[in-house]
Amino acid sequence: MQSKKFVKFLYFLLDVMKVLSDLSKSFQRDEFCITDLLVHLEAGISQLDVLKLQRGPKYQAFEKRYNGQTGVLKSGVKNNHELKLSKPGTTVEDGFPSFISKVIAYINQPFSSLRKEPYSYFTVFDPKEMPQDQADLATYRNKEVRSLVDYFHHFFSDDEKQRIIEQWPILRQQLARQKMHKTLNVFSNIVMSPPNDVKDCLVLIDLLITLSPSTAKCERGFSTMNQLKNSMRTLMNQDTLTALMRVRSSNLNATNFCPTPAIQHWMSGAKTKRHVDL
């Protein structure tokens, strides 16, 4: 445990785990789609590649605290603890690049399908990836849209296929103007208020939104269910559980909640007349 080789690797591992931790947290966000996933994944891999060439902040802290002549490592918040390290074995730094390469290969494996057709084509709708120049935008990834239409052909009639191709330039211009907004917000807004001139093309964005890049939200739902339906409430029926889970998972603040629609639904939904004592 006091081997210099072992302790140095632990400090190096802290830098690696910081990158992986940030990547994991980004995957657990609710407002996340597959186009965001690939961007964050590439950013994380780039950070790991940097660690092949230069030492991270944790490892640099080790080098400042460790005295190579005496073999003493100063630790603690105020560097007031000293740990004598032994020096047997070879230098551990030689194995850092190969270790990081294996980490990159491991985190790439679950998402390899997103880099293949047809899922890789969905990045065509990401506003942040669209060129600024109008000449480049005019021909931007027309082939990929056609490929998506061909792949999901069973969802469309022949007329709808043609209209999607015709509407793509209009949708492309609308998306390109929203580079500064969150990608999922752009998709959600345009699907909730679909313009008539691109309504057929929006079916592809519907497909994009339904492809969940993470199961984190589902796992949080199971945790919520276990908290609500516990050993003390085993007779709770499905309707009650569903209603309670909707309330628990809602991000709305109670102070901003408007009860009027719920009251109207309750008043009009009864088989007999409601008697309300005001």
C-alpha atoms as a PDB file:
ATOM      1  CA  MET A   1       0.000   0.000   0.000  1.00  0.00           C
ATOM      2  CA  GLN A   2       3.001   2.315   0.495  1.00  0.00           C
ATOM      3  CA  SER A   3       4.641   1.427  -2.798  1.00  0.00           C
ATOM      4  CA  LYS A   4       5.560   4.498  -4.830  1.00  0.00           C
ATOM      5  CA  LYS A   5       4.301   2.754  -7.974  1.00  0.00           C
ATOM      6  CA  PHE A   6       0.932   1.983  -6.390  1.00  0.00           C
ATOM      7  CA  VAL A   7       0.387   5.478  -4.949  1.00  0.00           C
ATOM      8  CA  LYS A   8       1.372   7.180  -8.207  1.00  0.00           C
ATOM      9  CA  PHE A   9      -1.147   5.055 -10.099  1.00  0.00           C
ATOM     10  CA  LEU A  10      -3.886   6.020  -7.618  1.00  0.00           C
ATOM     11  CA  TYR A  11      -3.230   9.714  -8.235  1.00  0.00           C
ATOM     12  CA  PHE A  12      -3.291   9.107 -11.982  1.00  0.00           C
ATOM     13  CA  LEU A  13      -6.543   7.172 -11.545  1.00  0.00           C
ATOM     14  CA  LEU A  14      -8.128  10.167  -9.792  1.00  0.00           C
ATOM     15  CA  ASP A  15      -7.644  12.238 -12.956  1.00  0.00           C
ATOM     16  CA  VAL A  16      -9.136   9.488 -15.115  1.00  0.00           C
ATOM     17  CA  MET A  17     -12.118   9.009 -12.800  1.00  0.00           C
ATOM     18  CA  LYS A  18     -12.858  12.757 -12.809  1.00  0.00           C
ATOM     19  CA  VAL A  19     -13.379  12.599 -16.595  1.00  0.00           C
ATOM     20  CA  LEU A  20     -15.512   9.451 -16.352  1.00  0.00           C
ATOM     21  CA  SER A  21     -17.562  10.910 -13.483  1.00  0.00           C
ATOM     22  CA  ASP A  22     -18.364  14.087 -15.432  1.00  0.00           C
ATOM     23  CA  LEU A  23     -19.294  11.978 -18.453  1.00  0.00           C
ATOM     24  CA  SER A  24     -21.573   9.763 -16.375  1.00  0.00           C
ATOM     25  CA  LYS A  25     -23.333  12.777 -14.825  1.00  0.00           C
ATOM     26  CA  SER A  26     -23.982  14.294 -18.250  1.00  0.00           C
ATOM     27  CA  PHE A  27     -25.615  11.029 -19.397  1.00  0.00           C
ATOM     28  CA  GLN A  28     -28.004  11.129 -16.430  1.00  0.00           C
ATOM     29  CA  ARG A  29     -29.578  14.468 -17.321  1.00  0.00           C
ATOM     30  CA  ASP A  30     -33.265  14.451 -18.242  1.00  0.00           C
ATOM     31  CA  GLU A  31     -32.850  16.891 -21.136  1.00  0.00           C
ATOM     32  CA  PHE A  32     -30.637  14.683 -23.226  1.00  0.00           C
ATOM     33  CA  CYS A  33     -30.866  13.145 -26.700  1.00  0.00           C
ATOM     34  CA  ILE A  34     -28.580  10.977 -28.800  1.00  0.00           C
ATOM     35  CA  THR A  35     -27.021  13.938 -30.624  1.00  0.00           C
ATOM     36  CA  ASP A  36     -25.955  15.387 -27.241  1.00  0.00           C
ATOM     37  CA  LEU A  37     -24.606  11.998 -26.199  1.00  0.00           C
ATOM     38  CA  LEU A  38     -22.151  11.789 -29.064  1.00  0.00           C
ATOM     39  CA  VAL A  39     -20.896  15.336 -28.414  1.00  0.00           C
ATOM     40  CA  HIS A  40     -20.272  14.639 -24.711  1.00  0.00           C
ATOM     41  CA  LEU A  41     -18.728  11.259 -25.506  1.00  0.00           C
ATOM     42  CA  GLU A  42     -16.233  12.796 -27.945  1.00  0.00           C
ATOM     43  CA  ALA A  43     -15.387  15.531 -25.433  1.00  0.00           C
ATOM     44  CA  GLY A  44     -14.729  12.948 -22.723  1.00  0.00           C
ATOM     45  CA  ILE A  45     -12.542  10.863 -25.016  1.00  0.00           C
ATOM     46  CA  SER A  46     -10.565  13.975 -25.965  1.00  0.00           C
ATOM     47  CA  GLN A  47      -9.918  14.689 -22.284  1.00  0.00           C
ATOM     48  CA  LEU A  48      -8.697  11.126 -21.792  1.00  0.00           C
ATOM     49  CA  ASP A  49      -6.410  11.430 -24.819  1.00  0.00           C
ATOM     50  CA  VAL A  50      -4.862  14.529 -23.247  1.00  0.00           C
ATOM     51  CA  LEU A  51      -3.978  12.472 -20.159  1.00  0.00           C
ATOM     52  CA  LYS A  52      -1.869  10.238 -22.406  1.00  0.00           C
ATOM     53  CA  LEU A  53       0.375  13.180 -23.217  1.00  0.00           C
ATOM     54  CA  GLN A  54       0.365  15.233 -20.027  1.00  0.00           C
ATOM     55  CA  ARG A  55      -0.338  14.665 -16.378  1.00  0.00           C
ATOM     56  CA  GLY A  56      -3.620  15.724 -14.828  1.00  0.00           C
ATOM     57  CA  PRO A  57      -4.059  18.066 -11.816  1.00  0.00           C
ATOM     58  CA  LYS A  58      -4.180  15.249  -9.237  1.00  0.00           C
ATOM     59  CA  TYR A  59      -0.989  13.671 -10.541  1.00  0.00           C
ATOM     60  CA  GLN A  60       0.699  17.078 -10.655  1.00  0.00           C
ATOM     61  CA  ALA A  61      -0.276  17.559  -7.001  1.00  0.00           C
ATOM     62  CA  PHE A  62       1.461  14.263  -6.204  1.00  0.00           C
ATOM     63  CA  GLU A  63       4.648  15.404  -7.938  1.00  0.00           C
ATOM     64  CA  LYS A  64       4.654  18.634  -5.901  1.00  0.00           C
ATOM     65  CA  ARG A  65       4.115  16.821  -2.601  1.00  0.00           C
ATOM     66  CA  TYR A  66       6.510  13.933  -3.198  1.00  0.00           C
ATOM     67  CA  ASN A  67      10.217  14.263  -2.443  1.00  0.00           C
ATOM     68  CA  GLY A  68      12.079  11.871  -4.716  1.00  0.00           C
ATOM     69  CA  GLN A  69      15.277  12.013  -2.671  1.00  0.00           C
ATOM     70  CA  THR A  70      13.758  11.159   0.697  1.00  0.00           C
ATOM     71  CA  GLY A  71      10.794   9.133  -0.620  1.00  0.00           C
ATOM     72  CA  VAL A  72       8.399  11.120   1.564  1.00  0.00           C
ATOM     73  CA  LEU A  73       4.914  12.125   0.373  1.00  0.00           C
ATOM     74  CA  LYS A  74       3.246  15.005   2.188  1.00  0.00           C
ATOM     75  CA  SER A  75      -0.516  14.576   2.466  1.00  0.00           C
ATOM     76  CA  GLY A  76      -3.502  16.070   4.249  1.00  0.00           C
ATOM     77  CA  VAL A  77      -5.266  19.395   3.781  1.00  0.00           C
ATOM     78  CA  LYS A  78      -2.300  21.352   5.143  1.00  0.00           C
ATOM     79  CA  ASN A  79       0.371  18.885   3.979  1.00  0.00           C
ATOM     80  CA  ASN A  80       1.032  18.117   7.637  1.00  0.00           C
ATOM     81  CA  HIS A  81       1.146  14.325   7.255  1.00  0.00           C
ATOM     82  CA  GLU A  82       4.119  12.442   5.870  1.00  0.00           C
ATOM     83  CA  LEU A  83       4.100   9.001   4.267  1.00  0.00           C
ATOM     84  CA  LYS A  84       7.284   7.122   3.496  1.00  0.00           C
ATOM     85  CA  LEU A  85       6.999   5.362   0.137  1.00  0.00           C
ATOM     86  CA  SER A  86       9.060   2.402  -1.015  1.00  0.00           C
ATOM     87  CA  LYS A  87      10.565   2.451  -4.502  1.00  0.00           C
ATOM     88  CA  PRO A  88      10.697  -1.105  -5.904  1.00  0.00           C
ATOM     89  CA  GLY A  89       9.640  -2.067  -9.420  1.00  0.00           C
ATOM     90  CA  THR A  90       9.578  -0.262 -12.741  1.00  0.00           C
ATOM     91  CA  THR A  91       8.163   3.183 -13.441  1.00  0.00           C
ATOM     92  CA  VAL A  92       4.386   3.128 -13.626  1.00  0.00           C
ATOM     93  CA  GLU A  93       4.082   6.015 -16.103  1.00  0.00           C
ATOM     94  CA  ASP A  94       4.942   3.753 -19.047  1.00  0.00           C
ATOM     95  CA  GLY A  95       1.620   1.956 -18.639  1.00  0.00           C
ATOM     96  CA  PHE A  96      -0.590   5.076 -18.548  1.00  0.00           C
ATOM     97  CA  PRO A  97      -1.207   5.388 -22.340  1.00  0.00           C
ATOM     98  CA  SER A  98      -2.189   1.734 -22.765  1.00  0.00           C
ATOM     99  CA  PHE A  99      -4.466   1.919 -19.717  1.00  0.00           C
ATOM    100  CA  ILE A 100      -6.274   4.967 -21.116  1.00  0.00           C
ATOM    101  CA  SER A 101      -6.615   3.286 -24.521  1.00  0.00           C
ATOM    102  CA  LYS A 102      -8.395   0.374 -22.839  1.00  0.00           C
ATOM    103  CA  VAL A 103     -10.677   2.786 -20.937  1.00  0.00           C
ATOM    104  CA  ILE A 104     -11.601   4.564 -24.184  1.00  0.00           C
ATOM    105  CA  ALA A 105     -12.319   1.255 -25.905  1.00  0.00           C
ATOM    106  CA  TYR A 106     -14.505   0.185 -22.978  1.00  0.00           C
ATOM    107  CA  ILE A 107     -16.670   3.344 -22.915  1.00  0.00           C
ATOM    108  CA  ASN A 108     -16.921   3.365 -26.712  1.00  0.00           C
ATOM    109  CA  GLN A 109     -18.320  -0.159 -26.884  1.00  0.00           C
ATOM    110  CA  PRO A 110     -21.883   0.519 -25.575  1.00  0.00           C
ATOM    111  CA  PHE A 111     -22.326   3.419 -28.004  1.00  0.00           C
ATOM    112  CA  SER A 112     -20.769   1.871 -31.090  1.00  0.00           C
ATOM    113  CA  SER A 113     -24.190   1.408 -32.730  1.00  0.00           C
ATOM    114  CA  LEU A 114     -24.814   5.169 -32.586  1.00  0.00           C
ATOM    115  CA  ARG A 115     -21.822   5.692 -34.860  1.00  0.00           C
ATOM    116  CA  LYS A 116     -23.264   3.341 -37.458  1.00  0.00           C
ATOM    117  CA  GLU A 117     -26.064   3.772 -39.968  1.00  0.00           C
ATOM    118  CA  PRO A 118     -28.853   4.744 -39.617  1.00  0.00           C
ATOM    119  CA  TYR A 119     -28.440   6.200 -36.099  1.00  0.00           C
ATOM    120  CA  SER A 120     -25.389   8.222 -37.077  1.00  0.00           C
ATOM    121  CA  TYR A 121     -27.554  10.028 -39.635  1.00  0.00           C
ATOM    122  CA  PHE A 122     -29.685  11.601 -36.882  1.00  0.00           C
ATOM    123  CA  THR A 123     -26.890  14.078 -36.183  1.00  0.00           C
ATOM    124  CA  VAL A 124     -28.076  15.825 -39.344  1.00  0.00           C
ATOM    125  CA  PHE A 125     -30.773  17.524 -37.223  1.00  0.00           C
ATOM    126  CA  ASP A 126     -28.378  18.920 -34.612  1.00  0.00           C
ATOM    127  CA  PRO A 127     -28.409  22.745 -35.049  1.00  0.00           C
ATOM    128  CA  LYS A 128     -24.939  23.075 -33.503  1.00  0.00           C
ATOM    129  CA  GLU A 129     -23.432  20.939 -36.265  1.00  0.00           C
ATOM    130  CA  MET A 130     -24.931  22.956 -39.114  1.00  0.00           C
ATOM    131  CA  PRO A 131     -22.615  25.269 -41.093  1.00  0.00           C
ATOM    132  CA  GLN A 132     -22.946  29.040 -40.884  1.00  0.00           C
ATOM    133  CA  ASP A 133     -22.272  29.644 -44.549  1.00  0.00           C
ATOM    134  CA  GLN A 134     -25.481  29.615 -46.618  1.00  0.00           C
ATOM    135  CA  ALA A 135     -23.782  27.965 -49.591  1.00  0.00           C
ATOM    136  CA  ASP A 136     -22.666  25.035 -47.435  1.00  0.00           C
ATOM    137  CA  LEU A 137     -26.033  24.909 -45.658  1.00  0.00           C
ATOM    138  CA  ALA A 138     -27.920  24.679 -48.972  1.00  0.00           C
ATOM    139  CA  THR A 139     -26.574  21.175 -49.629  1.00  0.00           C
ATOM    140  CA  TYR A 140     -26.013  20.135 -46.023  1.00  0.00           C
ATOM    141  CA  ARG A 141     -26.405  16.344 -45.636  1.00  0.00           C
ATOM    142  CA  ASN A 142     -29.216  15.824 -48.122  1.00  0.00           C
ATOM    143  CA  LYS A 143     -27.956  12.288 -48.650  1.00  0.00           C
ATOM    144  CA  GLU A 144     -28.356  11.399 -44.958  1.00  0.00           C
ATOM    145  CA  VAL A 145     -31.987  12.562 -44.902  1.00  0.00           C
ATOM    146  CA  ARG A 146     -32.747  10.415 -47.943  1.00  0.00           C
ATOM    147  CA  SER A 147     -31.067   7.473 -46.248  1.00  0.00           C
ATOM    148  CA  LEU A 148     -33.212   7.959 -43.123  1.00  0.00           C
ATOM    149  CA  VAL A 149     -36.356   8.051 -45.236  1.00  0.00           C
ATOM    150  CA  ASP A 150     -35.301   4.857 -47.016  1.00  0.00           C
ATOM    151  CA  TYR A 151     -34.466   3.096 -43.737  1.00  0.00           C
ATOM    152  CA  PHE A 152     -37.797   3.978 -42.103  1.00  0.00           C
ATOM    153  CA  HIS A 153     -39.756   3.578 -45.328  1.00  0.00           C
ATOM    154  CA  HIS A 154     -42.415   1.388 -43.671  1.00  0.00           C
ATOM    155  CA  PHE A 155     -43.611   4.449 -41.719  1.00  0.00           C
ATOM    156  CA  PHE A 156     -44.264   6.543 -44.822  1.00  0.00           C
ATOM    157  CA  SER A 157     -46.352   6.452 -47.959  1.00  0.00           C
ATOM    158  CA  ASP A 158     -44.701   7.322 -51.266  1.00  0.00           C
ATOM    159  CA  ASP A 159     -46.191  10.815 -51.161  1.00  0.00           C
ATOM    160  CA  GLU A 160     -44.927  11.380 -47.605  1.00  0.00           C
ATOM    161  CA  LYS A 161     -41.425  10.297 -48.607  1.00  0.00           C
ATOM    162  CA  GLN A 162     -41.396  12.872 -51.374  1.00  0.00           C
ATOM    163  CA  ARG A 163     -42.747  15.626 -49.128  1.00  0.00           C
ATOM    164  CA  ILE A 164     -40.101  14.915 -46.472  1.00  0.00           C
ATOM    165  CA  ILE A 165     -37.349  15.399 -49.050  1.00  0.00           C
ATOM    166  CA  GLU A 166     -38.994  18.609 -50.270  1.00  0.00           C
ATOM    167  CA  GLN A 167     -39.501  19.974 -46.741  1.00  0.00           C
ATOM    168  CA  TRP A 168     -35.990  19.234 -45.492  1.00  0.00           C
ATOM    169  CA  PRO A 169     -34.450  22.518 -46.821  1.00  0.00           C
ATOM    170  CA  ILE A 170     -37.118  24.524 -44.940  1.00  0.00           C
ATOM    171  CA  LEU A 171     -36.631  22.589 -41.701  1.00  0.00           C
ATOM    172  CA  ARG A 172     -32.855  22.873 -42.089  1.00  0.00           C
ATOM    173  CA  GLN A 173     -33.078  26.662 -42.205  1.00  0.00           C
ATOM    174  CA  GLN A 174     -35.325  26.770 -39.145  1.00  0.00           C
ATOM    175  CA  LEU A 175     -32.985  24.534 -37.135  1.00  0.00           C
ATOM    176  CA  ALA A 176     -29.846  26.427 -38.212  1.00  0.00           C
ATOM    177  CA  ARG A 177     -31.215  29.638 -36.644  1.00  0.00           C
ATOM    178  CA  GLN A 178     -31.405  28.020 -33.199  1.00  0.00           C
ATOM    179  CA  LYS A 179     -27.774  27.143 -32.543  1.00  0.00           C
ATOM    180  CA  MET A 180     -27.751  28.950 -29.197  1.00  0.00           C
ATOM    181  CA  HIS A 181     -30.604  26.902 -27.698  1.00  0.00           C
ATOM    182  CA  LYS A 182     -30.477  23.458 -26.071  1.00  0.00           C
ATOM    183  CA  THR A 183     -30.856  20.787 -28.716  1.00  0.00           C
ATOM    184  CA  LEU A 184     -33.677  18.887 -27.025  1.00  0.00           C
ATOM    185  CA  ASN A 185     -35.575  22.136 -26.364  1.00  0.00           C
ATOM    186  CA  VAL A 186     -35.356  22.998 -30.059  1.00  0.00           C
ATOM    187  CA  PHE A 187     -36.742  19.585 -31.041  1.00  0.00           C
ATOM    188  CA  SER A 188     -39.482  19.642 -28.373  1.00  0.00           C
ATOM    189  CA  ASN A 189     -40.693  23.131 -29.292  1.00  0.00           C
ATOM    190  CA  ILE A 190     -40.882  22.446 -32.992  1.00  0.00           C
ATOM    191  CA  VAL A 191     -42.717  19.137 -32.459  1.00  0.00           C
ATOM    192  CA  MET A 192     -45.217  20.638 -29.997  1.00  0.00           C
ATOM    193  CA  SER A 193     -45.984  23.544 -32.352  1.00  0.00           C
ATOM    194  CA  PRO A 194     -45.340  21.994 -35.774  1.00  0.00           C
ATOM    195  CA  PRO A 195     -45.217  24.412 -38.705  1.00  0.00           C
ATOM    196  CA  ASN A 196     -47.403  23.232 -41.580  1.00  0.00           C
ATOM    197  CA  ASP A 197     -44.608  23.611 -44.111  1.00  0.00           C
ATOM    198  CA  VAL A 198     -42.431  20.930 -42.390  1.00  0.00           C
ATOM    199  CA  LYS A 199     -44.976  18.693 -40.640  1.00  0.00           C
ATOM    200  CA  ASP A 200     -44.085  15.582 -42.666  1.00  0.00           C
ATOM    201  CA  CYS A 201     -40.376  16.066 -42.054  1.00  0.00           C
ATOM    202  CA  LEU A 202     -40.961  16.283 -38.307  1.00  0.00           C
ATOM    203  CA  VAL A 203     -41.725  12.565 -38.180  1.00  0.00           C
ATOM    204  CA  LEU A 204     -37.957  11.989 -38.366  1.00  0.00           C
ATOM    205  CA  ILE A 205     -37.421  14.258 -35.358  1.00  0.00           C
ATOM    206  CA  ASP A 206     -40.161  12.322 -33.528  1.00  0.00           C
ATOM    207  CA  LEU A 207     -38.123   9.180 -34.126  1.00  0.00           C
ATOM    208  CA  LEU A 208     -34.976  10.939 -32.916  1.00  0.00           C
ATOM    209  CA  ILE A 209     -36.605  12.045 -29.646  1.00  0.00           C
ATOM    210  CA  THR A 210     -37.958   8.562 -28.894  1.00  0.00           C
ATOM    211  CA  LEU A 211     -34.450   7.059 -29.069  1.00  0.00           C
ATOM    212  CA  SER A 212     -33.388   7.342 -25.439  1.00  0.00           C
ATOM    213  CA  PRO A 213     -29.604   7.479 -24.981  1.00  0.00           C
ATOM    214  CA  SER A 214     -29.774   6.583 -21.289  1.00  0.00           C
ATOM    215  CA  THR A 215     -31.835   4.508 -18.861  1.00  0.00           C
ATOM    216  CA  ALA A 216     -31.079   6.864 -15.945  1.00  0.00           C
ATOM    217  CA  LYS A 217     -34.574   8.397 -15.966  1.00  0.00           C
ATOM    218  CA  CYS A 218     -36.163   4.920 -15.934  1.00  0.00           C
ATOM    219  CA  GLU A 219     -33.965   3.875 -13.020  1.00  0.00           C
ATOM    220  CA  ARG A 220     -34.987   6.988 -11.083  1.00  0.00           C
ATOM    221  CA  GLY A 221     -38.603   6.022 -11.793  1.00  0.00           C
ATOM    222  CA  PHE A 222     -38.097   2.569 -10.258  1.00  0.00           C
ATOM    223  CA  SER A 223     -36.485   4.173  -7.190  1.00  0.00           C
ATOM    224  CA  THR A 224     -39.494   6.481  -6.842  1.00  0.00           C
ATOM    225  CA  MET A 225     -41.880   3.530  -7.162  1.00  0.00           C
ATOM    226  CA  ASN A 226     -40.046   1.618  -4.420  1.00  0.00           C
ATOM    227  CA  GLN A 227     -40.308   4.632  -2.118  1.00  0.00           C
ATOM    228  CA  LEU A 228     -44.050   5.009  -2.734  1.00  0.00           C
ATOM    229  CA  LYS A 229     -45.150   1.374  -2.746  1.00  0.00           C
ATOM    230  CA  ASN A 230     -43.291  -0.054   0.202  1.00  0.00           C
ATOM    231  CA  SER A 231     -44.021  -2.776   2.759  1.00  0.00           C
ATOM    232  CA  MET A 232     -46.488  -0.471   4.540  1.00  0.00           C
ATOM    233  CA  ARG A 233     -48.570   0.199   1.408  1.00  0.00           C
ATOM    234  CA  THR A 234     -48.846  -3.166  -0.316  1.00  0.00           C
ATOM    235  CA  LEU A 235     -52.541  -2.728  -1.193  1.00  0.00           C
ATOM    236  CA  MET A 236     -52.021   0.425  -3.249  1.00  0.00           C
ATOM    237  CA  ASN A 237     -53.688   0.005  -6.649  1.00  0.00           C
ATOM    238  CA  GLN A 238     -52.076   0.823  -9.977  1.00  0.00           C
ATOM    239  CA  ASP A 239     -54.046   4.032 -10.613  1.00  0.00           C
ATOM    240  CA  THR A 240     -53.022   5.517  -7.266  1.00  0.00           C
ATOM    241  CA  LEU A 241     -49.389   4.515  -7.789  1.00  0.00           C
ATOM    242  CA  THR A 242     -49.378   6.047 -11.264  1.00  0.00           C
ATOM    243  CA  ALA A 243     -50.869   9.320  -9.986  1.00  0.00           C
ATOM    244  CA  LEU A 244     -48.370   9.550  -7.104  1.00  0.00           C
ATOM    245  CA  MET A 245     -45.447   8.826  -9.428  1.00  0.00           C
ATOM    246  CA  ARG A 246     -46.608  11.565 -11.802  1.00  0.00           C
ATOM    247  CA  VAL A 247     -46.672  14.037  -8.914  1.00  0.00           C
ATOM    248  CA  ARG A 248     -43.293  12.911  -7.563  1.00  0.00           C
ATOM    249  CA  SER A 249     -41.575  13.008 -10.953  1.00  0.00           C
ATOM    250  CA  SER A 250     -43.015  16.392 -11.912  1.00  0.00           C
ATOM    251  CA  ASN A 251     -40.545  19.266 -11.905  1.00  0.00           C
ATOM    252  CA  LEU A 252     -43.296  21.836 -11.336  1.00  0.00           C
ATOM    253  CA  ASN A 253     -43.199  23.987  -8.216  1.00  0.00           C
ATOM    254  CA  ALA A 254     -46.307  23.747  -6.031  1.00  0.00           C
ATOM    255  CA  THR A 255     -46.501  27.545  -5.770  1.00  0.00           C
ATOM    256  CA  ASN A 256     -46.812  27.776  -9.560  1.00  0.00           C
ATOM    257  CA  PHE A 257     -49.371  24.979  -9.855  1.00  0.00           C
ATOM    258  CA  CYS A 258     -52.767  26.003 -11.261  1.00  0.00           C
ATOM    259  CA  PRO A 259     -55.456  23.664  -9.872  1.00  0.00           C
ATOM    260  CA  THR A 260     -58.276  24.941 -12.091  1.00  0.00           C
ATOM    261  CA  PRO A 261     -58.029  22.261 -14.850  1.00  0.00           C
ATOM    262  CA  ALA A 262     -57.887  19.484 -12.237  1.00  0.00           C
ATOM    263  CA  ILE A 263     -60.910  20.901 -10.394  1.00  0.00           C
ATOM    264  CA  GLN A 264     -62.860  21.206 -13.635  1.00  0.00           C
ATOM    265  CA  HIS A 265     -61.982  17.615 -14.542  1.00  0.00           C
ATOM    266  CA  TRP A 266     -63.088  16.438 -11.074  1.00  0.00           C
ATOM    267  CA  MET A 267     -66.343  18.413 -11.282  1.00  0.00           C
ATOM    268  CA  SER A 268     -67.276  17.179 -14.754  1.00  0.00           C
ATOM    269  CA  GLY A 269     -65.985  13.610 -14.403  1.00  0.00           C
ATOM    270  CA  ALA A 270     -68.491  12.372 -11.826  1.00  0.00           C
ATOM    271  CA  LYS A 271     -71.416  10.126 -12.785  1.00  0.00           C
ATOM    272  CA  THR A 272     -73.647  12.128 -10.428  1.00  0.00           C
ATOM    273  CA  LYS A 273     -73.655  15.790  -9.491  1.00  0.00           C
ATOM    274  CA  ARG A 274     -70.851  16.965  -7.242  1.00  0.00           C
ATOM    275  CA  HIS A 275     -71.945  18.711  -4.056  1.00  0.00           C
ATOM    276  CA  VAL A 276     -69.368  21.299  -3.071  1.00  0.00           C
ATOM    277  CA  ASP A 277     -69.757  23.231   0.177  1.00  0.00           C
ATOM    278  CA  LEU A 278     -68.243  26.649  -0.500  1.00  0.00           C
END
